[in-house]
Amino acid sequence: MCEEVHFKDVLERRNKDLDLIKLSVGCPCVYGLFSPHPVVTEAVKKVLDEGKYNGYGPSNGLLVTRTALAEYFSTEDTPLTAEDVVMATSAAGALELSITVFTNPGQNILVPKPGFAIFRCLAFARGVECKMYPLLPERSWEVDLEAMEKLIDHNTAAIVVNNPSNPCGSNYSRKHLEEILAVAERHHIPIIADEIYHGMVYEGQVYHPLGPLSKSVPILTCGGMSKRFVVPGWRVGWILIHDKKNAFKAEITPGIKRLAMKLLGPNTLVQAALPDILRNTPPSFFQNTLRTLESSAKQCYTELLDAPGLHPVMPAASMYMMVTIDIEHFPEFKDEIDFTKQLVLEQSVFCLPGMAFRYPNCFRIALVMPKEKIQEACTRMKNFCSKHYKA
């Protein structure tokens, strides 16, 4: 949407002597650097050949799929059953169901700043206000807890927590997640946990899903296949219902299942293949993906440290890096939108400006392209900054 509305003209007028490098695209498949493991594609082929799942499935998802997901995400202290899982058309669909079930027009939800635009889109469609709590780049994008708490009022229906983060590439410690849970508990507010990047953390990092950490705060965890299994076009996601005190039992859980009837469930072929995918995809596949992403992050971070006026923030997870701009040292440009547009015009490098995440004077880089493309893009960005930077 940002590309179509704000960059269509500059993309048409860009420097055609240089190949366009789109660091804006958050799809792991787009440059061919990542592809699904053969286990994943063979599982779908097997289901297709069997011919048993060509019809409609239950609106809340196939039982075999929900059972497999419950087993996959259960922990010793937080066991899940198939009744705690609702299937959705992607993690975005899971977020839509979650926001819808919690809110009425005129209420508000708390979302991160910078944060993924879909939170605001889904809330706006419901007549729901998004109050944006700040993340702190100097603390690896941790939540400003005091600011978050001050945003809560009697109309606050839920808090959205995105970990690991798009666009920040952050991964929260157990301690910080427990601090977020404490805020929600004090105000008796449920949490929507966007965990589409579940487990996608770099070497030395430990990932903590939010649901098992909660002792009393009820949580809807939204996940999906797209990023971890490198199949974003397959559009299969899920909601995990973490409700240790049965706060959701009377209204929220049955409400989600009734809302799911509007969509008649996601793709049955992929659902039916998911148990084999979860069971048989080797850990080495995920490890190799993360090694490649981390190597790209280090390369990009190191290169851009030398770019005058740019400050990359080294990510700890997911597929993205945020870069802040000393915009006062680029007097030709009013803001990051002007900066990124001129970067496209002169250097044919397209980065997603901070306005997409409601965070000024920065841009996001997606780390999903081959190393030689990243090197070329960073070289062009350094040349661009050297030309326009004023001390």
Foldseek 3Di string as FASTA:
>chain_A
DCCVPQPPVLLVQADPVDDFAELADQALPPAPLDDFDPLQVVLLVVLVVVVPFPDFDQLQADQVLLQLVQVLPADPQFHAHSLQKGKAQFLLRLLLLQLVLQAAAPAEEEEEFLAALSNVVSQVVRNYHYDYFYFDLVVLRQTPLVSVLVPDDPRYREYEAEAPGVPAQAHDDLVSLVSVLVSCVVVVHAYEYEPQQPPFFAPPDDHDDNLSSDPAHKYWYKYACCFQRSNVVQRMIMIGTRHNPCPCVPGRSVSSSVVSVVVSHGRRSSSSSVSSVSVPDDPVSSVVVSVQQLVLLVLLQVLCVLAPQKHWRRHGGDFKIKIAGPVVQQVVDPWQSRVQSVLCRHPSYHWAASVSSPHTRMTMGGSNHDPVSSVSSSVSNSVSRVVRGHD
